[in-house]
Protein backbone atom coordinates (compact mmCIF):
# COMPACT_ATOMS: atom_id res chain seq x y z
CA UNK A 1 -23.79 -6.52 -20.66
CA UNK A 2 -21.28 -8.29 -22.76
CA UNK A 3 -19.55 -11.67 -22.23
CA UNK A 4 -16.78 -13.76 -23.95
CA UNK A 5 -17.73 -17.02 -25.43
CA UNK A 6 -14.65 -19.24 -25.47
CA UNK A 7 -13.99 -22.54 -27.12
CA UNK A 8 -10.80 -23.77 -25.50
CA UNK A 9 -8.27 -26.53 -26.38
CA UNK A 10 -6.36 -24.78 -29.18
CA UNK A 11 -2.65 -24.20 -29.18
CA UNK A 12 -2.02 -20.78 -29.79
CA UNK A 13 0.86 -19.47 -32.09
CA UNK A 14 2.20 -16.27 -33.48
CA UNK A 15 3.41 -12.85 -32.22
CA UNK A 16 1.83 -10.22 -29.99
CA UNK A 17 2.81 -6.94 -28.87
CA UNK A 18 1.97 -5.58 -25.29
CA UNK A 19 0.14 -2.50 -24.80
CA UNK A 20 1.33 0.54 -22.99
CA UNK A 21 1.32 0.31 -19.19
CA UNK A 22 -1.97 0.88 -17.55
CA UNK A 23 -0.47 1.69 -14.12
CA UNK A 24 1.91 4.13 -15.66
CA UNK A 25 -0.81 5.84 -17.79
CA UNK A 26 -2.86 6.83 -14.88
CA UNK A 27 -0.29 8.78 -13.23
CA UNK A 28 1.61 10.08 -16.29
CA UNK A 29 -1.72 11.47 -17.67
CA UNK A 30 -2.77 13.06 -14.50
CA UNK A 31 0.77 15.02 -14.60
CA UNK A 32 -0.43 17.06 -17.65
CA UNK A 33 -2.38 19.23 -15.21
CA UNK A 34 1.02 20.61 -13.74
CA UNK A 35 1.65 22.88 -16.62
CA UNK A 36 -0.21 25.12 -19.10
CA UNK A 37 2.03 24.11 -22.11
CA UNK A 38 1.60 21.13 -24.30
CA UNK A 39 2.53 17.65 -23.14
CA UNK A 40 2.38 14.91 -25.79
CA UNK A 41 2.07 11.21 -24.50
CA UNK A 42 2.63 8.13 -26.69
CA UNK A 43 1.92 4.39 -26.35
CA UNK A 44 -1.29 4.99 -24.47
CA UNK A 45 -3.36 1.98 -23.79
CA UNK A 46 -6.63 2.30 -25.33
CA UNK A 47 -8.42 0.74 -22.27
CA UNK A 48 -11.70 1.82 -20.38
CA UNK A 49 -9.87 3.08 -17.20
CA UNK A 50 -7.54 5.22 -19.21
CA UNK A 51 -9.94 6.85 -21.58
CA UNK A 52 -12.37 7.48 -18.65
CA UNK A 53 -9.34 9.64 -16.99
CA UNK A 54 -8.64 11.28 -20.49
CA UNK A 55 -12.43 11.98 -20.48
CA UNK A 56 -12.40 13.46 -16.99
CA UNK A 57 -9.50 15.86 -17.83
CA UNK A 58 -11.38 17.04 -20.96
CA UNK A 59 -14.37 17.87 -18.65
CA UNK A 60 -11.97 19.84 -16.48
CA UNK A 61 -11.11 22.04 -19.36
CA UNK A 62 -7.84 20.18 -20.74
CA UNK A 63 -7.48 20.78 -24.40
CA UNK A 64 -6.89 17.19 -25.92
CA UNK A 65 -5.88 16.34 -29.43
CA UNK A 66 -5.71 12.54 -30.26
CA UNK A 67 -3.78 12.04 -33.55
CA UNK A 68 -4.49 8.28 -33.12
CA UNK A 69 -5.85 6.03 -30.23
CA UNK A 70 -2.38 5.76 -28.67
CA UNK A 71 -1.38 9.13 -28.66
CA UNK A 72 -2.58 12.27 -27.04
CA UNK A 73 -1.56 16.09 -26.95
CA UNK A 74 -2.66 17.62 -23.69
CA UNK A 75 -3.02 21.49 -22.98
CA UNK A 76 -4.19 22.37 -19.50
CA UNK A 77 -4.15 26.20 -19.92
CA UNK A 78 -7.84 26.80 -18.93
CA UNK A 79 -8.92 24.53 -16.08
CA UNK A 80 -12.54 25.01 -14.54
CA UNK A 81 -11.73 24.25 -10.91
CA UNK A 82 -15.38 24.76 -10.31
CA UNK A 83 -16.09 21.60 -12.12
CA UNK A 84 -14.64 19.60 -9.10
CA UNK A 85 -17.74 20.35 -7.21
CA UNK A 86 -20.16 19.22 -10.06
CA UNK A 87 -22.39 16.02 -9.75
CA UNK A 88 -20.90 14.86 -12.94
CA UNK A 89 -17.49 14.98 -11.52
CA UNK A 90 -18.32 13.14 -8.46
CA UNK A 91 -20.08 10.30 -10.40
CA UNK A 92 -17.15 9.95 -13.04
CA UNK A 93 -14.41 10.05 -10.65
CA UNK A 94 -16.18 7.73 -8.16
CA UNK A 95 -16.12 5.00 -11.03
CA UNK A 96 -12.28 5.05 -11.35
CA UNK A 97 -9.74 4.61 -8.71
CA UNK A 98 -7.27 6.33 -10.77
CA UNK A 99 -8.95 9.63 -10.42
CA UNK A 100 -7.26 9.95 -7.18
CA UNK A 101 -4.31 10.71 -9.04
CA UNK A 102 -5.46 13.92 -10.25
CA UNK A 103 -5.37 15.31 -6.63
CA UNK A 104 -1.43 15.87 -6.52
CA UNK A 105 -1.12 18.00 -9.49
CA UNK A 106 -4.24 20.14 -8.62
CA UNK A 107 -2.81 20.81 -5.35
CA UNK A 108 0.55 21.72 -6.80
CA UNK A 109 -1.04 24.12 -9.27
CA UNK A 110 -4.26 25.34 -7.85
CA UNK A 111 -4.22 24.46 -4.10
CA UNK A 112 -7.46 22.70 -4.29
CA UNK A 113 -8.48 19.16 -5.01
CA UNK A 114 -11.30 16.58 -4.22
CA UNK A 115 -10.79 12.77 -3.80
CA UNK A 116 -13.59 10.40 -4.00
CA UNK A 117 -13.98 6.91 -2.13
CA UNK A 118 -11.85 4.56 -3.88
CA UNK A 119 -13.37 2.87 -6.98
CA UNK A 120 -12.01 0.21 -9.14
CA UNK A 121 -11.61 -3.50 -8.37
CA UNK A 122 -13.17 -4.92 -5.35
CA UNK A 123 -9.89 -6.84 -4.22
CA UNK A 124 -9.73 -5.78 -0.61
CA UNK A 125 -8.62 -2.87 1.44
CA UNK A 126 -7.14 -0.13 -0.55
CA UNK A 127 -6.76 2.94 1.74
CA UNK A 128 -6.05 6.38 1.00
CA UNK A 129 -4.23 7.23 4.31
CA UNK A 130 -0.69 7.41 2.37
CA UNK A 131 -1.97 10.07 0.08
CA UNK A 132 -3.78 12.09 2.65
CA UNK A 133 -1.09 12.07 5.48
CA UNK A 134 1.50 12.86 2.73
CA UNK A 135 -0.63 15.84 1.32
CA UNK A 136 -1.32 16.95 5.24
CA UNK A 137 2.59 17.01 5.78
CA UNK A 138 3.18 19.30 2.81
CA UNK A 139 0.50 21.98 4.43
CA UNK A 140 -2.77 20.66 3.01
CA UNK A 141 -5.94 20.58 5.19
CA UNK A 142 -8.69 18.06 4.67
CA UNK A 143 -12.13 17.31 5.65
CA UNK A 144 -14.41 14.44 4.80
CA UNK A 145 -17.85 14.89 3.53
CA UNK A 146 -19.98 12.17 4.49
CA UNK A 147 -22.91 13.53 2.00
CA UNK A 148 -20.93 13.51 -1.11
CA UNK A 149 -18.36 10.93 -0.03
CA UNK A 150 -15.32 13.22 -0.83
CA UNK A 151 -12.25 14.26 0.69
CA UNK A 152 -12.04 18.17 0.24
CA UNK A 153 -8.41 19.26 0.10
CA UNK A 154 -7.08 22.69 0.45
CA UNK A 155 -3.84 24.75 1.15
CA UNK A 156 -2.89 28.31 1.08
CA UNK A 157 0.56 27.25 -0.03
CA UNK A 158 2.54 23.86 -0.17
CA UNK A 159 5.87 23.70 1.95
CA UNK A 160 8.43 20.66 1.55
CA UNK A 161 8.59 18.24 4.41
CA UNK A 162 10.24 15.00 5.22
CA UNK A 163 8.13 12.05 4.85
CA UNK A 164 8.39 8.53 6.05
CA UNK A 165 5.67 6.58 4.28
CA UNK A 166 4.08 3.53 6.24
CA UNK A 167 3.78 1.70 3.20
CA UNK A 168 5.55 1.98 -0.13
CA UNK A 169 2.28 2.77 -2.03
CA UNK A 170 2.79 3.22 -5.90
CA UNK A 171 -0.18 5.55 -6.31
CA UNK A 172 0.53 7.32 -2.87
CA UNK A 173 4.38 7.90 -3.76
CA UNK A 174 3.27 9.35 -7.08
CA UNK A 175 0.66 11.53 -5.76
CA UNK A 176 2.89 12.91 -3.16
CA UNK A 177 5.66 13.63 -5.84
CA UNK A 178 3.01 15.32 -8.18
CA UNK A 179 2.13 17.54 -5.31
CA UNK A 180 5.68 18.32 -4.08
CA UNK A 181 7.28 19.32 -7.51
CA UNK A 182 6.11 22.90 -6.93
CA UNK A 183 6.03 23.10 -3.17
CA UNK A 184 8.19 25.44 -1.47
CA UNK A 185 11.55 24.09 -0.34
CA UNK A 186 12.78 20.34 -0.44
CA UNK A 187 10.53 17.24 0.19
CA UNK A 188 12.19 13.94 0.85
CA UNK A 189 10.20 10.73 0.61
CA UNK A 190 11.56 7.74 2.53
CA UNK A 191 10.18 4.25 2.01
CA UNK A 192 8.93 5.38 -1.36
CA UNK A 193 7.68 3.00 -4.14
CA UNK A 194 10.25 2.66 -6.83
CA UNK A 195 8.53 0.69 -9.49
CA UNK A 196 9.49 1.46 -13.09
CA UNK A 197 6.29 3.47 -13.43
CA UNK A 198 7.60 5.76 -10.67
CA UNK A 199 10.76 6.04 -12.24
CA UNK A 200 9.18 6.96 -15.45
CA UNK A 201 7.05 9.61 -13.87
CA UNK A 202 10.12 11.22 -12.25
CA UNK A 203 12.04 11.20 -15.42
CA UNK A 204 9.11 13.04 -17.28
CA UNK A 205 8.74 15.60 -14.58
CA UNK A 206 12.54 16.27 -14.63
CA UNK A 207 12.03 17.08 -18.38
CA UNK A 208 9.34 19.39 -17.43
CA UNK A 209 11.62 21.31 -15.21
CA UNK A 210 11.35 19.44 -11.78
CA UNK A 211 14.14 18.77 -9.75
CA UNK A 212 13.81 15.14 -8.57
CA UNK A 213 16.92 12.80 -7.43
CA UNK A 214 17.08 9.50 -5.74
CA UNK A 215 15.26 7.95 -8.93
CA UNK A 216 15.22 3.94 -8.88
CA UNK A 217 15.66 4.24 -4.89
CA UNK A 218 13.21 4.20 -2.19
CA UNK A 219 14.72 7.73 -0.91
CA UNK A 220 13.18 10.28 -3.17
CA UNK A 221 14.35 14.09 -2.88
CA UNK A 222 12.54 16.86 -4.53
CA UNK A 223 13.44 20.26 -4.68
CA UNK A 224 10.44 22.44 -5.26
CA UNK A 225 10.11 24.80 -8.38
CA UNK A 226 7.73 27.55 -9.38
CA UNK A 227 6.48 26.26 -12.71
CA UNK A 228 6.74 23.33 -14.98
CA UNK A 229 6.84 23.25 -18.94
CA UNK A 230 5.86 20.82 -21.52
CA UNK A 231 7.50 17.52 -22.72
CA UNK A 232 7.09 14.38 -24.79
CA UNK A 233 6.62 10.94 -23.03
CA UNK A 234 6.33 7.49 -24.28
CA UNK A 235 4.74 4.85 -21.92
CA UNK A 236 6.56 1.45 -21.10
CA UNK A 237 5.23 -1.91 -22.27
CA UNK A 238 2.73 -3.16 -19.76
CA UNK A 239 4.60 -5.66 -17.57
CA UNK A 240 1.34 -7.22 -16.31
CA UNK A 241 0.25 -8.00 -20.17
CA UNK A 242 3.72 -9.43 -20.71
CA UNK A 243 3.45 -11.85 -17.81
CA UNK A 244 -0.26 -12.90 -18.71
CA UNK A 245 1.13 -13.72 -22.27
CA UNK A 246 3.70 -15.81 -20.92
CA UNK A 247 1.25 -17.80 -18.69
CA UNK A 248 -1.12 -18.05 -21.76
CA UNK A 249 1.52 -19.56 -23.99
CA UNK A 250 2.46 -22.23 -21.27
CA UNK A 251 -1.26 -23.10 -20.48
CA UNK A 252 -2.38 -23.43 -24.21
CA UNK A 253 0.84 -25.56 -24.99
CA UNK A 254 1.47 -22.46 -27.42
CA UNK A 255 4.48 -20.81 -29.30
CA UNK A 256 4.30 -17.31 -28.81
CA UNK A 257 6.74 -14.35 -29.35
CA UNK A 258 6.16 -11.26 -27.37
CA UNK A 259 7.43 -8.32 -29.34
CA UNK A 260 9.19 -5.22 -27.60
CA UNK A 261 8.79 -6.61 -24.10
CA UNK A 262 10.88 -3.99 -22.51
CA UNK A 263 12.79 -6.85 -20.77
CA UNK A 264 15.04 -4.43 -18.85
CA UNK A 265 12.02 -3.41 -16.82
CA UNK A 266 10.39 -6.60 -15.98
CA UNK A 267 12.34 -7.34 -12.85
CA UNK A 268 11.89 -10.78 -11.33
CA UNK A 269 8.94 -11.51 -13.59
CA UNK A 270 10.49 -13.75 -16.04
CA UNK A 271 12.16 -15.42 -13.10
CA UNK A 272 8.88 -16.42 -11.39
CA UNK A 273 7.37 -17.84 -14.55
CA UNK A 274 10.59 -19.91 -15.12
CA UNK A 275 10.38 -21.27 -11.47
CA UNK A 276 7.03 -22.71 -12.78
CA UNK A 277 9.02 -24.47 -15.29
CA UNK A 278 8.17 -22.15 -18.34
CA UNK A 279 10.89 -21.96 -20.85
CA UNK A 280 11.67 -18.63 -22.40
CA UNK A 281 14.32 -17.27 -24.83
CA UNK A 282 15.23 -13.47 -24.81
CA UNK A 283 15.89 -12.44 -28.23
CA UNK A 284 16.98 -8.89 -28.09
CA UNK A 285 13.83 -7.16 -26.78
CA UNK A 286 11.58 -10.01 -27.58
CA UNK A 287 10.54 -12.99 -25.41
CA UNK A 288 9.96 -16.28 -27.15
CA UNK A 289 8.03 -19.14 -25.48
CA UNK A 290 8.35 -22.35 -27.04
CA UNK A 291 5.56 -25.11 -27.09
CA UNK A 292 5.86 -27.30 -24.05
CA UNK A 293 3.68 -30.42 -23.49
CA UNK A 294 4.71 -30.40 -19.80
CA UNK A 295 6.25 -27.61 -17.43
CA UNK A 296 7.49 -28.86 -13.94
CA UNK A 297 7.20 -26.39 -10.84
CA UNK A 298 10.60 -26.19 -9.24
CA UNK A 299 11.15 -26.77 -5.51
CA UNK A 300 13.44 -24.80 -3.12
CA UNK A 301 16.91 -26.25 -2.78
CA UNK A 302 16.00 -28.23 0.33
CA UNK A 303 13.22 -29.87 -1.44
CA UNK A 304 10.17 -27.96 0.03
CA UNK A 305 7.15 -26.86 -1.83
CA UNK A 306 7.83 -23.51 -3.77
CA UNK A 307 6.17 -20.44 -2.44
CA UNK A 308 5.35 -17.48 -4.68
CA UNK A 309 4.36 -14.22 -2.87
CA UNK A 310 3.94 -10.52 -3.80
CA UNK A 311 6.07 -7.90 -2.45
CA UNK A 312 6.73 -4.20 -3.34
CA UNK A 313 9.10 -3.52 -6.20
CA UNK A 314 11.81 -5.00 -6.88
CA UNK A 315 9.70 -7.99 -5.54
CA UNK A 316 6.95 -9.74 -7.42
CA UNK A 317 3.88 -7.67 -8.40
CA UNK A 318 0.58 -8.68 -6.86
CA UNK A 319 -1.20 -8.16 -10.20
CA UNK A 320 0.34 -11.27 -11.50
CA UNK A 321 -0.31 -13.64 -8.90
CA UNK A 322 -3.82 -14.61 -10.33
CA UNK A 323 -2.05 -15.37 -13.51
CA UNK A 324 0.58 -17.60 -11.76
CA UNK A 325 -2.24 -19.40 -9.83
CA UNK A 326 -4.08 -20.41 -13.10
CA UNK A 327 -0.81 -21.41 -14.76
CA UNK A 328 0.00 -23.79 -12.01
CA UNK A 329 -2.91 -25.77 -12.20
CA UNK A 330 -1.85 -27.46 -15.17
CA UNK A 331 1.91 -27.87 -14.23
CA UNK A 332 3.58 -30.73 -12.77
CA UNK A 333 4.03 -30.31 -9.10
CA UNK A 334 2.71 -28.04 -6.42
CA UNK A 335 3.08 -24.13 -5.23
CA UNK A 336 1.93 -22.16 -2.66
CA UNK A 337 0.52 -18.70 -3.78
CA UNK A 338 0.66 -16.27 -0.87
CA UNK A 339 -1.22 -12.99 -1.87
CA UNK A 340 0.05 -10.77 1.05
CA UNK A 341 -1.27 -7.28 -0.11
CA UNK A 342 -5.04 -7.66 -0.79
CA UNK A 343 -7.30 -9.85 0.97
CA UNK A 344 -10.04 -10.69 -1.57
CA UNK A 345 -8.01 -11.35 -4.73
CA UNK A 346 -8.08 -15.23 -4.36
CA UNK A 347 -11.86 -15.30 -4.36
CA UNK A 348 -12.12 -16.30 -8.02
CA UNK A 349 -10.50 -19.69 -6.90
CA UNK A 350 -14.13 -21.25 -6.82
CA UNK A 351 -14.42 -20.84 -10.56
CA UNK A 352 -11.36 -22.82 -11.08
CA UNK A 353 -12.38 -25.63 -8.74
CA UNK A 354 -15.64 -25.90 -10.73
CA UNK A 355 -13.54 -26.31 -13.88
CA UNK A 356 -11.77 -29.06 -12.27
CA UNK A 357 -8.73 -27.50 -10.70
CA UNK A 358 -7.01 -29.16 -7.66
CA UNK A 359 -6.68 -26.03 -5.25
CA UNK A 360 -6.96 -25.74 -1.64
CA UNK A 361 -7.74 -22.11 -0.46
CA UNK A 362 -6.07 -22.11 2.88
CA UNK A 363 -7.31 -18.64 3.83
CA UNK A 364 -8.05 -15.38 2.13
CA UNK A 365 -4.44 -14.86 1.43
CA UNK A 366 -3.26 -18.33 0.55
CA UNK A 367 -3.88 -20.91 -1.81
CA UNK A 368 -2.12 -24.24 -2.31
CA UNK A 369 -2.07 -25.57 -6.06
CA UNK A 370 -1.67 -29.23 -7.00
CA UNK A 371 -1.02 -29.48 -10.55
CA UNK A 372 -2.87 -31.72 -12.87
CA UNK A 373 0.13 -32.27 -15.12
CA UNK A 374 -2.30 -32.23 -17.97
CA UNK A 375 -3.67 -35.72 -16.93
CA UNK A 376 -7.08 -33.93 -17.08
CA UNK A 377 -8.15 -30.91 -18.98
CA UNK A 378 -10.09 -27.92 -17.28
CA UNK A 379 -13.56 -28.08 -18.41
CA UNK A 380 -15.55 -25.12 -19.69
CA UNK A 381 -18.03 -23.33 -17.56
CA UNK A 382 -20.02 -20.25 -17.27
CA UNK A 383 -18.30 -17.80 -14.86
CA UNK A 384 -18.26 -14.08 -14.13
CA UNK A 385 -15.05 -11.96 -13.87
CA UNK A 386 -14.50 -10.25 -10.55
CA UNK A 387 -11.72 -7.98 -11.26
CA UNK A 388 -9.32 -7.11 -13.93
CA UNK A 389 -6.76 -9.61 -13.24
CA UNK A 390 -8.83 -12.26 -12.13
CA UNK A 391 -10.64 -11.95 -15.26
CA UNK A 392 -7.92 -12.41 -17.45
CA UNK A 393 -6.69 -15.24 -15.51
CA UNK A 394 -10.15 -16.78 -15.93
CA UNK A 395 -9.86 -16.06 -19.69
CA UNK A 396 -6.48 -17.99 -19.78
CA UNK A 397 -8.08 -21.01 -18.03
CA UNK A 398 -11.03 -20.94 -20.49
CA UNK A 399 -8.67 -20.94 -23.47
CA UNK A 400 -6.95 -24.10 -22.19
CA UNK A 401 -10.13 -25.83 -20.92
CA UNK A 402 -11.94 -28.47 -22.88
CA UNK A 403 -15.27 -27.18 -24.44
CA UNK A 404 -17.38 -24.10 -24.22
CA UNK A 405 -16.79 -21.33 -21.58
CA UNK A 406 -18.64 -18.04 -20.95
CA UNK A 407 -17.03 -15.21 -19.12
CA UNK A 408 -19.44 -12.51 -18.04
CA UNK A 409 -18.68 -9.11 -16.67
CA UNK A 410 -16.22 -8.60 -19.14
CA UNK A 411 -16.20 -4.76 -18.59
CA UNK A 412 -13.65 -5.69 -15.99
CA UNK A 413 -11.27 -7.00 -18.49
CA UNK A 414 -11.83 -4.09 -20.89
CA UNK A 415 -10.48 -1.86 -18.14
CA UNK A 416 -7.16 -3.13 -18.38
CA UNK A 417 -6.52 -4.97 -21.55
CA UNK A 418 -7.14 -3.37 -24.89
CA UNK A 419 -8.87 -5.39 -27.74
CA UNK A 420 -7.87 -8.65 -26.01
CA UNK A 421 -10.32 -10.91 -27.90
CA UNK A 422 -9.11 -9.30 -31.35
CA UNK A 423 -5.73 -9.81 -30.48
CA UNK A 424 -5.74 -13.43 -29.19
CA UNK A 425 -7.92 -14.34 -32.20
CA UNK A 426 -4.93 -13.57 -34.21
CA UNK A 427 -2.98 -16.08 -32.24
CA UNK A 428 -5.67 -18.89 -33.06
CA UNK A 429 -7.90 -18.47 -30.15
CA UNK A 430 -11.55 -19.04 -30.40
CA UNK A 431 -13.13 -16.14 -28.57
CA UNK A 432 -16.35 -14.16 -29.50
CA UNK A 433 -17.82 -11.08 -27.68
CA UNK A 434 -21.44 -11.75 -27.44
CA UNK A 435 -24.43 -9.88 -26.03
CA UNK A 436 -25.62 -11.58 -22.79
């Protein structure tokens, strides 16, 4: 097991470019299974979760050429469906929640798929109902095998249907789209997720020959086609990394420029960090964060305490609430963080309390943060990363803290952030990967 050894208190300075979007990558890469023709994907993040999915596709029989670590050429012209029943597939797919995304394209093209119990972060309830119910309405039969822990999905044919999702799940919406593009007739998905990642997927599928309309809205219409062809696609910059770097600059009193940030796709993310008092300048497609000694949390117009909460797009993404919470610990003022979607995502707060933060954990979903206003620094401690986003939030806390910190279980961070130690070192951070 590896850990990060961090010596905090350094003011970071320089330029950094965000990686390709992790949450987009998992669904875009799964979509290559829809065609026997070549699909080239660029700006792929070189991270554990994405590399595991690429490896899984290779085991399925997809031919993969990787000109560099951020570009892949896929050709799924000789898929071994029997591999889905192998013990190797069960072990590998069970480690990665993103493996659920291959079900939609496999059902569309081969009428058969297997879904493992959700893997990935232990951040609370992450049910598969949206996926399974959507597939059922398209004509899929499923059974759950208690011995292997897999949902077994099969259909003689897929037929378009009108779907009203009970929640605008991003992965659920994407999976249903991937299944419906080659179904017979028309499928409509109401209360669909409309994140930029879904928009990217729909645009890519249309270039492959799909007929999808309503892109950017929560009512998506899909007219099924017989077959899809190849295409070329480039990932968006990762909005979660961009938010993390904004928070990092503020916490370390740094001066950082985020290059090629894809500002038009960030939604309310810059606004939420601005509400914490963080100054930003947009220079073309770059974000410049100047050095600030103090940043002050804004209040509502009536003077009441600011509340920041997660909400489906175009609301604020839940993946950045951990970062916002940490950044607020050194601000002037107070904020209530309300994590509505996952009930275990605030359970890293105990580490911040050990570091000297002033936080009241009201319940599993809400935490009140009283900013220290830099009157006292956080102190370095030894801690463990519970999930991807909390792991980076703790890394940001350690980089701003006084003294030495050790962050264990950094495999969680590596799942979502590529070469994070090397990239932050170039900004002046003191961070070393150690075996411990």
